[in-house]
């Protein structure tokens, strides 16, 4: 899947911190406090603040890992 620089930044950070191969992180989602789940595209990543607090959920899938950032 094509990866823009904006998408790669959080993927690289997650990969480095948790030891997951970058190529295995295939899905990146954000779940709001209200329970709304959205695919993290460039627009959402641009507006995502480093100060936002979230729980990181990693789900193993056949093709790789699905990562969900859940706001708290």
Protein backbone atom coordinates (compact mmCIF):
# COMPACT_ATOMS: atom_id res chain seq x y z
CA UNK A 1 0.00 0.00 0.00
CA UNK A 2 1.29 3.48 -0.84
CA UNK A 3 2.66 5.35 2.15
CA UNK A 4 3.01 9.10 2.27
CA UNK A 5 5.61 10.80 4.52
CA UNK A 6 2.79 11.93 6.84
CA UNK A 7 1.58 8.34 7.22
CA UNK A 8 5.08 6.93 7.66
CA UNK A 9 5.99 9.12 10.66
CA UNK A 10 3.62 7.50 13.19
CA UNK A 11 4.25 4.08 11.63
CA UNK A 12 8.02 4.50 12.08
CA UNK A 13 7.55 5.68 15.66
CA UNK A 14 5.31 2.70 16.52
CA UNK A 15 7.72 0.32 14.77
CA UNK A 16 10.71 1.65 16.70
CA UNK A 17 9.00 1.73 20.10
CA UNK A 18 7.33 -1.69 19.91
CA UNK A 19 9.73 -3.58 17.64
CA UNK A 20 7.22 -4.21 14.85
CA UNK A 21 8.53 -4.37 11.28
CA UNK A 22 7.28 -1.31 9.34
CA UNK A 23 6.09 -3.49 6.46
CA UNK A 24 3.88 -5.45 8.89
CA UNK A 25 1.93 -2.36 10.03
CA UNK A 26 -0.80 -2.50 7.43
CA UNK A 27 -3.67 -0.56 9.02
CA UNK A 28 -3.66 2.57 11.18
CA UNK A 29 -6.88 3.78 12.81
CA UNK A 30 -7.97 6.41 15.32
CA UNK A 31 -10.87 5.81 17.70
CA UNK A 32 -12.37 8.92 19.30
CA UNK A 33 -13.68 9.19 22.86
CA UNK A 34 -17.17 8.88 21.35
CA UNK A 35 -16.23 5.52 19.82
CA UNK A 36 -15.94 6.70 16.21
CA UNK A 37 -13.32 4.65 14.34
CA UNK A 38 -11.62 6.24 11.32
CA UNK A 39 -8.81 5.20 9.02
CA UNK A 40 -5.87 7.54 9.65
CA UNK A 41 -5.15 9.30 6.39
CA UNK A 42 -2.85 12.28 5.77
CA UNK A 43 -5.49 14.85 6.84
CA UNK A 44 -6.11 13.17 10.20
CA UNK A 45 -2.40 12.65 10.86
CA UNK A 46 -1.68 16.34 10.14
CA UNK A 47 -4.21 17.37 12.81
CA UNK A 48 -3.15 14.73 15.34
CA UNK A 49 -1.26 16.37 18.20
CA UNK A 50 1.74 14.83 19.94
CA UNK A 51 0.09 15.90 23.19
CA UNK A 52 -3.01 13.80 22.54
CA UNK A 53 -3.29 10.96 25.04
CA UNK A 54 -4.30 7.57 23.70
CA UNK A 55 -4.16 3.84 24.27
CA UNK A 56 -2.42 1.91 21.51
CA UNK A 57 -4.14 -1.35 20.50
CA UNK A 58 -2.28 -3.81 18.26
CA UNK A 59 -4.23 -6.57 16.53
CA UNK A 60 -2.38 -9.31 14.67
CA UNK A 61 -3.81 -10.10 11.24
CA UNK A 62 -2.67 -12.50 8.50
CA UNK A 63 -1.21 -9.66 6.41
CA UNK A 64 0.29 -7.75 9.36
CA UNK A 65 -0.80 -5.60 12.26
CA UNK A 66 -3.83 -3.35 12.62
CA UNK A 67 -2.97 -0.44 14.96
CA UNK A 68 -5.72 1.58 16.63
CA UNK A 69 -5.01 4.75 18.62
CA UNK A 70 -7.87 5.17 21.11
CA UNK A 71 -8.28 8.62 22.66
CA UNK A 72 -8.63 8.70 26.44
